């Protein structure tokens, strides 16, 4: 994780992932992913409940991954390796459901 504009990077490893799917409209699907981290001490103290919002087209194309705190956008963003973990989860667990 990193804060927008910061060079302080913390690489999180996700575990125990689960998701909910919300069909927003005829074009977009929101997938909210909840998870634990293997080392909770790496999660910034200001985050209460870290999660991810995956924005997907109706045909299953993953177009955006955003960090969430308690279901809302936050000042943090995921690193490329964290996004890759979420992409892999999406491809293996979520996309087949859509």
C-alpha atoms as a PDB file:
ATOM      1  CA  UNK A   1       0.000   0.000   0.000  1.00  0.00           C
ATOM      2  CA  UNK A   2       1.043   3.531  -0.476  1.00  0.00           C
ATOM      3  CA  UNK A   3      -0.403   6.958   0.093  1.00  0.00           C
ATOM      4  CA  UNK A   4      -0.947   9.058  -3.011  1.00  0.00           C
ATOM      5  CA  UNK A   5       2.270  10.981  -3.602  1.00  0.00           C
ATOM      6  CA  UNK A   6       4.299   9.063  -0.992  1.00  0.00           C
ATOM      7  CA  UNK A   7       7.376   6.895  -1.447  1.00  0.00           C
ATOM      8  CA  UNK A   8       6.650   4.849   1.722  1.00  0.00           C
ATOM      9  CA  UNK A   9       5.535   1.496   0.298  1.00  0.00           C
ATOM     10  CA  UNK A  10       4.218  -1.454   2.303  1.00  0.00           C
ATOM     11  CA  UNK A  11       3.592  -4.696   0.402  1.00  0.00           C
ATOM     12  CA  UNK A  12       0.539  -6.506   1.754  1.00  0.00           C
ATOM     13  CA  UNK A  13      -0.203 -10.179   1.251  1.00  0.00           C
ATOM     14  CA  UNK A  14      -3.939 -10.861   1.241  1.00  0.00           C
ATOM     15  CA  UNK A  15      -5.598 -13.892   2.833  1.00  0.00           C
ATOM     16  CA  UNK A  16      -9.156 -15.076   3.403  1.00  0.00           C
ATOM     17  CA  UNK A  17     -10.610 -13.116   0.484  1.00  0.00           C
ATOM     18  CA  UNK A  18     -14.370 -12.921  -0.057  1.00  0.00           C
ATOM     19  CA  UNK A  19     -16.571 -10.703  -2.187  1.00  0.00           C
ATOM     20  CA  UNK A  20     -19.987  -9.279  -2.916  1.00  0.00           C
ATOM     21  CA  UNK A  21     -21.225  -8.333  -6.366  1.00  0.00           C
ATOM     22  CA  UNK A  22     -23.421  -5.301  -7.048  1.00  0.00           C
ATOM     23  CA  UNK A  23     -24.791  -4.760 -10.547  1.00  0.00           C
ATOM     24  CA  UNK A  24     -24.692  -0.976 -10.764  1.00  0.00           C
ATOM     25  CA  UNK A  25     -26.427  -0.506 -14.132  1.00  0.00           C
ATOM     26  CA  UNK A  26     -26.558  -1.941 -17.651  1.00  0.00           C
ATOM     27  CA  UNK A  27     -22.853  -1.159 -18.139  1.00  0.00           C
ATOM     28  CA  UNK A  28     -21.019  -1.611 -14.820  1.00  0.00           C
ATOM     29  CA  UNK A  29     -20.620  -4.140 -12.019  1.00  0.00           C
ATOM     30  CA  UNK A  30     -19.013  -3.309  -8.668  1.00  0.00           C
ATOM     31  CA  UNK A  31     -17.237  -6.088  -6.820  1.00  0.00           C
ATOM     32  CA  UNK A  32     -16.304  -5.351  -3.216  1.00  0.00           C
ATOM     33  CA  UNK A  33     -13.516  -7.614  -1.941  1.00  0.00           C
ATOM     34  CA  UNK A  34     -12.909  -8.127   1.769  1.00  0.00           C
ATOM     35  CA  UNK A  35      -9.757  -9.749   3.088  1.00  0.00           C
ATOM     36  CA  UNK A  36      -7.296 -10.139   5.925  1.00  0.00           C
ATOM     37  CA  UNK A  37      -3.612  -9.429   5.609  1.00  0.00           C
ATOM     38  CA  UNK A  38      -0.860 -11.848   6.565  1.00  0.00           C
ATOM     39  CA  UNK A  39       0.862  -9.070   8.558  1.00  0.00           C
ATOM     40  CA  UNK A  40      -1.784  -6.679   9.943  1.00  0.00           C
ATOM     41  CA  UNK A  41       0.930  -4.363  11.306  1.00  0.00           C
ATOM     42  CA  UNK A  42       1.644  -3.265   7.706  1.00  0.00           C
ATOM     43  CA  UNK A  43      -1.853  -1.810   7.270  1.00  0.00           C
ATOM     44  CA  UNK A  44      -1.750   1.958   7.951  1.00  0.00           C
ATOM     45  CA  UNK A  45      -3.144   2.864  11.387  1.00  0.00           C
ATOM     46  CA  UNK A  46      -5.652   5.303   9.890  1.00  0.00           C
ATOM     47  CA  UNK A  47      -7.479   2.482   8.054  1.00  0.00           C
ATOM     48  CA  UNK A  48     -10.336   0.898   9.999  1.00  0.00           C
ATOM     49  CA  UNK A  49     -11.482  -1.791   7.520  1.00  0.00           C
ATOM     50  CA  UNK A  50      -9.368  -2.254   4.406  1.00  0.00           C
ATOM     51  CA  UNK A  51     -11.044  -3.629   1.295  1.00  0.00           C
ATOM     52  CA  UNK A  52     -10.985  -3.260  -2.462  1.00  0.00           C
ATOM     53  CA  UNK A  53     -13.499  -2.103  -5.037  1.00  0.00           C
ATOM     54  CA  UNK A  54     -13.156  -3.795  -8.420  1.00  0.00           C
ATOM     55  CA  UNK A  55     -15.027  -2.050 -11.207  1.00  0.00           C
ATOM     56  CA  UNK A  56     -15.967  -4.414 -14.015  1.00  0.00           C
ATOM     57  CA  UNK A  57     -17.844  -4.108 -17.308  1.00  0.00           C
ATOM     58  CA  UNK A  58     -20.947  -6.248 -17.835  1.00  0.00           C
ATOM     59  CA  UNK A  59     -18.916  -8.506 -20.130  1.00  0.00           C
ATOM     60  CA  UNK A  60     -16.418  -9.195 -17.316  1.00  0.00           C
ATOM     61  CA  UNK A  61     -13.512  -6.871 -18.152  1.00  0.00           C
ATOM     62  CA  UNK A  62     -11.808  -5.611 -14.972  1.00  0.00           C
ATOM     63  CA  UNK A  63     -11.144  -1.898 -15.507  1.00  0.00           C
ATOM     64  CA  UNK A  64     -10.276  -0.465 -12.088  1.00  0.00           C
ATOM     65  CA  UNK A  65      -9.056  -1.508  -8.644  1.00  0.00           C
ATOM     66  CA  UNK A  66      -9.444   0.986  -5.804  1.00  0.00           C
ATOM     67  CA  UNK A  67      -8.525   0.740  -2.129  1.00  0.00           C
ATOM     68  CA  UNK A  68     -11.455   1.220   0.240  1.00  0.00           C
ATOM     69  CA  UNK A  69     -11.744   1.944   3.950  1.00  0.00           C
ATOM     70  CA  UNK A  70     -15.059   0.840   5.428  1.00  0.00           C
ATOM     71  CA  UNK A  71     -16.521   0.698   1.912  1.00  0.00           C
ATOM     72  CA  UNK A  72     -15.458   4.220   0.929  1.00  0.00           C
ATOM     73  CA  UNK A  73     -12.630   5.576  -1.203  1.00  0.00           C
ATOM     74  CA  UNK A  74      -9.520   6.436   0.781  1.00  0.00           C
ATOM     75  CA  UNK A  75      -6.197   8.203   0.349  1.00  0.00           C
ATOM     76  CA  UNK A  76      -4.305   4.944  -0.207  1.00  0.00           C
ATOM     77  CA  UNK A  77      -3.680   2.953  -3.330  1.00  0.00           C
ATOM     78  CA  UNK A  78      -2.561  -0.605  -3.935  1.00  0.00           C
ATOM     79  CA  UNK A  79       0.882  -1.487  -5.249  1.00  0.00           C
ATOM     80  CA  UNK A  80       1.177  -3.402  -8.506  1.00  0.00           C
ATOM     81  CA  UNK A  81       1.792  -6.711  -6.679  1.00  0.00           C
ATOM     82  CA  UNK A  82      -1.294  -6.137  -4.499  1.00  0.00           C
ATOM     83  CA  UNK A  83      -3.346  -5.389  -7.612  1.00  0.00           C
ATOM     84  CA  UNK A  84      -2.036  -8.608  -9.151  1.00  0.00           C
ATOM     85  CA  UNK A  85      -3.296 -10.584  -6.134  1.00  0.00           C
ATOM     86  CA  UNK A  86      -6.724  -8.987  -6.610  1.00  0.00           C
ATOM     87  CA  UNK A  87      -6.696  -9.604 -10.385  1.00  0.00           C
ATOM     88  CA  UNK A  88      -5.889 -13.275  -9.785  1.00  0.00           C
ATOM     89  CA  UNK A  89      -8.691 -13.555  -7.200  1.00  0.00           C
ATOM     90  CA  UNK A  90     -11.103 -11.893  -9.618  1.00  0.00           C
ATOM     91  CA  UNK A  91     -10.149 -14.222 -12.489  1.00  0.00           C
ATOM     92  CA  UNK A  92     -10.353 -17.383 -10.367  1.00  0.00           C
ATOM     93  CA  UNK A  93     -13.270 -16.662  -8.022  1.00  0.00           C
ATOM     94  CA  UNK A  94     -15.448 -13.825  -9.284  1.00  0.00           C
ATOM     95  CA  UNK A  95     -15.355 -13.798 -13.073  1.00  0.00           C
ATOM     96  CA  UNK A  96     -16.711 -17.376 -13.408  1.00  0.00           C
ATOM     97  CA  UNK A  97     -19.800 -16.258 -11.419  1.00  0.00           C
ATOM     98  CA  UNK A  98     -20.516 -13.365 -13.763  1.00  0.00           C
END
